[in-house]
Amino acid sequence: MEIVGIILIIYGVFMLAGLLLQFPFFYNNAKSRMMIKMMGKTGFNVLIFVFGIAALIGGILILN
């Protein structure tokens, strides 16, 4: 289970870094464009933030 926790922490950090740095591949692929069209860019950013925080918390809880 330690490996899953580490992977979740890395995923969470990557998602939050992508949100802060506005990585182009987060926003320019077909699925992301569809989600942005449905919820708007602010809603998509909130979704990325929630997934990032959830992955971080999950990874930290698994490691403890």
PDB file of N, CA and C in Angstrom:
ATOM      1  N   MET A   1       0.807  -1.200   0.000  1.00  0.00           N
ATOM      2  CA  MET A   1       0.000   0.000   0.000  1.00  0.00           C
ATOM      3  C   MET A   1       0.850   1.266   0.000  1.00  0.00           C
ATOM      4  N   GLU A   2       2.103   1.135   0.386  1.00  0.00           N
ATOM      5  CA  GLU A   2       2.965   2.310   0.393  1.00  0.00           C
ATOM      6  C   GLU A   2       3.151   2.880  -1.008  1.00  0.00           C
ATOM      7  N   ILE A   3       3.237   2.010  -1.995  1.00  0.00           N
ATOM      8  CA  ILE A   3       3.435   2.456  -3.373  1.00  0.00           C
ATOM      9  C   ILE A   3       2.224   3.264  -3.836  1.00  0.00           C
ATOM     10  N   VAL A   4       1.025   2.807  -3.490  1.00  0.00           N
ATOM     11  CA  VAL A   4      -0.191   3.534  -3.868  1.00  0.00           C
ATOM     12  C   VAL A   4      -0.204   4.915  -3.214  1.00  0.00           C
ATOM     13  N   GLY A   5       0.189   4.990  -1.954  1.00  0.00           N
ATOM     14  CA  GLY A   5       0.244   6.272  -1.261  1.00  0.00           C
ATOM     15  C   GLY A   5       1.230   7.229  -1.906  1.00  0.00           C
ATOM     16  N   ILE A   6       2.383   6.731  -2.268  1.00  0.00           N
ATOM     17  CA  ILE A   6       3.397   7.572  -2.923  1.00  0.00           C
ATOM     18  C   ILE A   6       2.906   8.049  -4.284  1.00  0.00           C
ATOM     19  N   ILE A   7       2.285   7.164  -5.038  1.00  0.00           N
ATOM     20  CA  ILE A   7       1.758   7.534  -6.355  1.00  0.00           C
ATOM     21  C   ILE A   7       0.670   8.591  -6.217  1.00  0.00           C
ATOM     22  N   LEU A   8      -0.206   8.446  -5.214  1.00  0.00           N
ATOM     23  CA  LEU A   8      -1.256   9.439  -5.006  1.00  0.00           C
ATOM     24  C   LEU A   8      -0.678  10.801  -4.627  1.00  0.00           C
ATOM     25  N   ILE A   9       0.350  10.806  -3.814  1.00  0.00           N
ATOM     26  CA  ILE A   9       0.982  12.084  -3.435  1.00  0.00           C
ATOM     27  C   ILE A   9       1.623  12.735  -4.654  1.00  0.00           C
ATOM     28  N   ILE A  10       2.318  11.961  -5.462  1.00  0.00           N
ATOM     29  CA  ILE A  10       2.944  12.502  -6.676  1.00  0.00           C
ATOM     30  C   ILE A  10       1.872  13.032  -7.632  1.00  0.00           C
ATOM     31  N   TYR A  11       0.775  12.285  -7.784  1.00  0.00           N
ATOM     32  CA  TYR A  11      -0.335  12.719  -8.642  1.00  0.00           C
ATOM     33  C   TYR A  11      -0.940  14.020  -8.130  1.00  0.00           C
ATOM     34  N   GLY A  12      -1.158  14.112  -6.825  1.00  0.00           N
ATOM     35  CA  GLY A  12      -1.734  15.321  -6.244  1.00  0.00           C
ATOM     36  C   GLY A  12      -0.844  16.533  -6.440  1.00  0.00           C
ATOM     37  N   VAL A  13       0.448  16.353  -6.226  1.00  0.00           N
ATOM     38  CA  VAL A  13       1.391  17.459  -6.426  1.00  0.00           C
ATOM     39  C   VAL A  13       1.423  17.872  -7.897  1.00  0.00           C
ATOM     40  N   PHE A  14       1.394  16.903  -8.790  1.00  0.00           N
ATOM     41  CA  PHE A  14       1.399  17.195 -10.222  1.00  0.00           C
ATOM     42  C   PHE A  14       0.140  17.958 -10.632  1.00  0.00           C
ATOM     43  N   MET A  15      -1.004  17.554 -10.109  1.00  0.00           N
ATOM     44  CA  MET A  15      -2.251  18.245 -10.443  1.00  0.00           C
ATOM     45  C   MET A  15      -2.234  19.688  -9.941  1.00  0.00           C
ATOM     46  N   LEU A  16      -1.779  19.891  -8.721  1.00  0.00           N
ATOM     47  CA  LEU A  16      -1.738  21.248  -8.172  1.00  0.00           C
ATOM     48  C   LEU A  16      -0.699  22.114  -8.883  1.00  0.00           C
ATOM     49  N   ALA A  17       0.440  21.517  -9.255  1.00  0.00           N
ATOM     50  CA  ALA A  17       1.445  22.260 -10.010  1.00  0.00           C
ATOM     51  C   ALA A  17       0.901  22.626 -11.391  1.00  0.00           C
ATOM     52  N   GLY A  18       0.185  21.705 -12.017  1.00  0.00           N
ATOM     53  CA  GLY A  18      -0.427  21.984 -13.318  1.00  0.00           C
ATOM     54  C   GLY A  18      -1.455  23.084 -13.243  1.00  0.00           C
ATOM     55  N   LEU A  19      -2.176  23.137 -12.136  1.00  0.00           N
ATOM     56  CA  LEU A  19      -3.157  24.196 -11.940  1.00  0.00           C
ATOM     57  C   LEU A  19      -2.463  25.547 -11.756  1.00  0.00           C
ATOM     58  N   LEU A  20      -1.438  25.573 -10.941  1.00  0.00           N
ATOM     59  CA  LEU A  20      -0.745  26.835 -10.674  1.00  0.00           C
ATOM     60  C   LEU A  20       0.038  27.337 -11.874  1.00  0.00           C
ATOM     61  N   LEU A  21       0.692  26.422 -12.597  1.00  0.00           N
ATOM     62  CA  LEU A  21       1.539  26.812 -13.728  1.00  0.00           C
ATOM     63  C   LEU A  21       0.805  26.817 -15.065  1.00  0.00           C
ATOM     64  N   GLN A  22      -0.474  26.399 -15.054  1.00  0.00           N
ATOM     65  CA  GLN A  22      -1.308  26.375 -16.259  1.00  0.00           C
ATOM     66  C   GLN A  22      -0.642  25.613 -17.406  1.00  0.00           C
ATOM     67  N   PHE A  23      -0.274  24.345 -17.136  1.00  0.00           N
ATOM     68  CA  PHE A  23       0.339  23.514 -18.170  1.00  0.00           C
ATOM     69  C   PHE A  23      -0.588  23.452 -19.386  1.00  0.00           C
ATOM     70  N   PRO A  24      -0.061  23.667 -20.597  1.00  0.00           N
ATOM     71  CA  PRO A  24      -0.916  23.657 -21.798  1.00  0.00           C
ATOM     72  C   PRO A  24      -1.595  22.307 -22.043  1.00  0.00           C
ATOM     73  N   PHE A  25      -0.935  21.210 -21.722  1.00  0.00           N
ATOM     74  CA  PHE A  25      -1.539  19.908 -21.997  1.00  0.00           C
ATOM     75  C   PHE A  25      -2.681  19.604 -21.038  1.00  0.00           C
ATOM     76  N   PHE A  26      -2.851  20.359 -19.973  1.00  0.00           N
ATOM     77  CA  PHE A  26      -4.025  20.212 -19.107  1.00  0.00           C
ATOM     78  C   PHE A  26      -5.263  20.810 -19.765  1.00  0.00           C
ATOM     79  N   TYR A  27      -5.068  21.811 -20.606  1.00  0.00           N
ATOM     80  CA  TYR A  27      -6.189  22.586 -21.133  1.00  0.00           C
ATOM     81  C   TYR A  27      -6.420  22.408 -22.629  1.00  0.00           C
ATOM     82  N   ASN A  28      -5.474  21.824 -23.369  1.00  0.00           N
ATOM     83  CA  ASN A  28      -5.587  21.781 -24.822  1.00  0.00           C
ATOM     84  C   ASN A  28      -5.962  20.431 -25.406  1.00  0.00           C
ATOM     85  N   ASN A  29      -6.158  19.402 -24.584  1.00  0.00           N
ATOM     86  CA  ASN A  29      -6.566  18.137 -25.187  1.00  0.00           C
ATOM     87  C   ASN A  29      -8.090  18.099 -25.333  1.00  0.00           C
ATOM     88  N   ALA A  30      -8.590  17.155 -26.097  1.00  0.00           N
ATOM     89  CA  ALA A  30     -10.009  17.130 -26.460  1.00  0.00           C
ATOM     90  C   ALA A  30     -10.922  16.971 -25.242  1.00  0.00           C
ATOM     91  N   LYS A  31     -10.570  16.097 -24.318  1.00  0.00           N
ATOM     92  CA  LYS A  31     -11.425  15.878 -23.144  1.00  0.00           C
ATOM     93  C   LYS A  31     -11.470  17.119 -22.257  1.00  0.00           C
ATOM     94  N   SER A  32     -10.335  17.771 -22.098  1.00  0.00           N
ATOM     95  CA  SER A  32     -10.298  18.982 -21.282  1.00  0.00           C
ATOM     96  C   SER A  32     -11.115  20.093 -21.930  1.00  0.00           C
ATOM     97  N   ARG A  33     -11.000  20.245 -23.233  1.00  0.00           N
ATOM     98  CA  ARG A  33     -11.774  21.280 -23.916  1.00  0.00           C
ATOM     99  C   ARG A  33     -13.267  21.036 -23.771  1.00  0.00           C
ATOM    100  N   MET A  34     -13.679  19.752 -23.808  1.00  0.00           N
ATOM    101  CA  MET A  34     -15.089  19.431 -23.638  1.00  0.00           C
ATOM    102  C   MET A  34     -15.553  19.787 -22.218  1.00  0.00           C
ATOM    103  N   MET A  35     -14.722  19.461 -21.214  1.00  0.00           N
ATOM    104  CA  MET A  35     -15.074  19.778 -19.828  1.00  0.00           C
ATOM    105  C   MET A  35     -15.107  21.290 -19.610  1.00  0.00           C
ATOM    106  N   ILE A  36     -14.167  22.015 -20.202  1.00  0.00           N
ATOM    107  CA  ILE A  36     -14.148  23.477 -20.073  1.00  0.00           C
ATOM    108  C   ILE A  36     -15.388  24.078 -20.731  1.00  0.00           C
ATOM    109  N   LYS A  37     -15.812  23.497 -21.849  1.00  0.00           N
ATOM    110  CA  LYS A  37     -17.016  23.982 -22.516  1.00  0.00           C
ATOM    111  C   LYS A  37     -18.249  23.752 -21.646  1.00  0.00           C
ATOM    112  N   MET A  38     -18.286  22.620 -20.920  1.00  0.00           N
ATOM    113  CA  MET A  38     -19.440  22.309 -20.085  1.00  0.00           C
ATOM    114  C   MET A  38     -19.473  23.141 -18.799  1.00  0.00           C
ATOM    115  N   MET A  39     -18.316  23.286 -18.114  1.00  0.00           N
ATOM    116  CA  MET A  39     -18.310  23.946 -16.812  1.00  0.00           C
ATOM    117  C   MET A  39     -17.632  25.294 -16.777  1.00  0.00           C
ATOM    118  N   GLY A  40     -16.984  25.670 -17.818  1.00  0.00           N
ATOM    119  CA  GLY A  40     -16.227  26.918 -17.809  1.00  0.00           C
ATOM    120  C   GLY A  40     -14.830  26.670 -17.259  1.00  0.00           C
ATOM    121  N   LYS A  41     -13.944  27.619 -17.489  1.00  0.00           N
ATOM    122  CA  LYS A  41     -12.554  27.433 -17.073  1.00  0.00           C
ATOM    123  C   LYS A  41     -12.423  27.445 -15.552  1.00  0.00           C
ATOM    124  N   THR A  42     -13.205  28.283 -14.878  1.00  0.00           N
ATOM    125  CA  THR A  42     -13.138  28.324 -13.419  1.00  0.00           C
ATOM    126  C   THR A  42     -13.616  27.007 -12.814  1.00  0.00           C
ATOM    127  N   GLY A  43     -14.677  26.458 -13.346  1.00  0.00           N
ATOM    128  CA  GLY A  43     -15.171  25.166 -12.863  1.00  0.00           C
ATOM    129  C   GLY A  43     -14.167  24.056 -13.099  1.00  0.00           C
ATOM    130  N   PHE A  44     -13.499  24.084 -14.238  1.00  0.00           N
ATOM    131  CA  PHE A  44     -12.475  23.086 -14.541  1.00  0.00           C
ATOM    132  C   PHE A  44     -11.297  23.223 -13.592  1.00  0.00           C
ATOM    133  N   ASN A  45     -10.906  24.461 -13.280  1.00  0.00           N
ATOM    134  CA  ASN A  45      -9.819  24.682 -12.330  1.00  0.00           C
ATOM    135  C   ASN A  45     -10.193  24.182 -10.942  1.00  0.00           C
ATOM    136  N   VAL A  46     -11.442  24.381 -10.543  1.00  0.00           N
ATOM    137  CA  VAL A  46     -11.899  23.863  -9.248  1.00  0.00           C
ATOM    138  C   VAL A  46     -11.853  22.343  -9.246  1.00  0.00           C
ATOM    139  N   LEU A  47     -12.236  21.726 -10.346  1.00  0.00           N
ATOM    140  CA  LEU A  47     -12.189  20.261 -10.454  1.00  0.00           C
ATOM    141  C   LEU A  47     -10.754  19.752 -10.317  1.00  0.00           C
ATOM    142  N   ILE A  48      -9.823  20.381 -10.984  1.00  0.00           N
ATOM    143  CA  ILE A  48      -8.414  19.996 -10.877  1.00  0.00           C
ATOM    144  C   ILE A  48      -7.929  20.173  -9.440  1.00  0.00           C
ATOM    145  N   PHE A  49      -8.311  21.272  -8.803  1.00  0.00           N
ATOM    146  CA  PHE A  49      -7.922  21.534  -7.418  1.00  0.00           C
ATOM    147  C   PHE A  49      -8.467  20.459  -6.486  1.00  0.00           C
ATOM    148  N   VAL A  50      -9.734  20.102  -6.651  1.00  0.00           N
ATOM    149  CA  VAL A  50     -10.353  19.090  -5.793  1.00  0.00           C
ATOM    150  C   VAL A  50      -9.671  17.738  -5.984  1.00  0.00           C
ATOM    151  N   PHE A  51      -9.409  17.340  -7.222  1.00  0.00           N
ATOM    152  CA  PHE A  51      -8.725  16.069  -7.463  1.00  0.00           C
ATOM    153  C   PHE A  51      -7.314  16.074  -6.876  1.00  0.00           C
ATOM    154  N   GLY A  52      -6.611  17.188  -7.005  1.00  0.00           N
ATOM    155  CA  GLY A  52      -5.260  17.291  -6.465  1.00  0.00           C
ATOM    156  C   GLY A  52      -5.245  17.180  -4.951  1.00  0.00           C
ATOM    157  N   ILE A  53      -6.123  17.916  -4.284  1.00  0.00           N
ATOM    158  CA  ILE A  53      -6.191  17.872  -2.823  1.00  0.00           C
ATOM    159  C   ILE A  53      -6.640  16.495  -2.341  1.00  0.00           C
ATOM    160  N   ALA A  54      -7.628  15.903  -3.019  1.00  0.00           N
ATOM    161  CA  ALA A  54      -8.109  14.580  -2.628  1.00  0.00           C
ATOM    162  C   ALA A  54      -7.009  13.530  -2.765  1.00  0.00           C
ATOM    163  N   ALA A  55      -6.236  13.602  -3.825  1.00  0.00           N
ATOM    164  CA  ALA A  55      -5.145  12.646  -4.019  1.00  0.00           C
ATOM    165  C   ALA A  55      -4.066  12.837  -2.959  1.00  0.00           C
ATOM    166  N   LEU A  56      -3.738  14.081  -2.633  1.00  0.00           N
ATOM    167  CA  LEU A  56      -2.747  14.343  -1.589  1.00  0.00           C
ATOM    168  C   LEU A  56      -3.208  13.814  -0.236  1.00  0.00           C
ATOM    169  N   ILE A  57      -4.434  14.116   0.124  1.00  0.00           N
ATOM    170  CA  ILE A  57      -4.958  13.654   1.418  1.00  0.00           C
ATOM    171  C   ILE A  57      -5.026  12.131   1.456  1.00  0.00           C
ATOM    172  N   GLY A  58      -5.502  11.529   0.372  1.00  0.00           N
ATOM    173  CA  GLY A  58      -5.566  10.079   0.309  1.00  0.00           C
ATOM    174  C   GLY A  58      -4.193   9.436   0.424  1.00  0.00           C
ATOM    175  N   GLY A  59      -3.216   9.984  -0.253  1.00  0.00           N
ATOM    176  CA  GLY A  59      -1.859   9.446  -0.197  1.00  0.00           C
ATOM    177  C   GLY A  59      -1.246   9.585   1.186  1.00  0.00           C
ATOM    178  N   ILE A  60      -1.482  10.725   1.816  1.00  0.00           N
ATOM    179  CA  ILE A  60      -0.943  10.939   3.157  1.00  0.00           C
ATOM    180  C   ILE A  60      -1.615  10.003   4.157  1.00  0.00           C
ATOM    181  N   LEU A  61      -2.921   9.808   4.039  1.00  0.00           N
ATOM    182  CA  LEU A  61      -3.621   8.896   4.944  1.00  0.00           C
ATOM    183  C   LEU A  61      -3.181   7.449   4.760  1.00  0.00           C
ATOM    184  N   ILE A  62      -2.904   7.065   3.529  1.00  0.00           N
ATOM    185  CA  ILE A  62      -2.449   5.697   3.274  1.00  0.00           C
ATOM    186  C   ILE A  62      -1.063   5.471   3.880  1.00  0.00           C
ATOM    187  N   LEU A  63      -0.205   6.479   3.791  1.00  0.00           N
ATOM    188  CA  LEU A  63       1.157   6.314   4.314  1.00  0.00           C
ATOM    189  C   LEU A  63       1.218   6.325   5.852  1.00  0.00           C
ATOM    190  N   ASN A  64       0.212   6.910   6.481  1.00  0.00           N
ATOM    191  CA  ASN A  64       0.226   6.951   7.962  1.00  0.00           C
ATOM    192  C   ASN A  64      -0.411   5.767   8.547  1.00  0.00           C
TER     193      ASN A  64
END
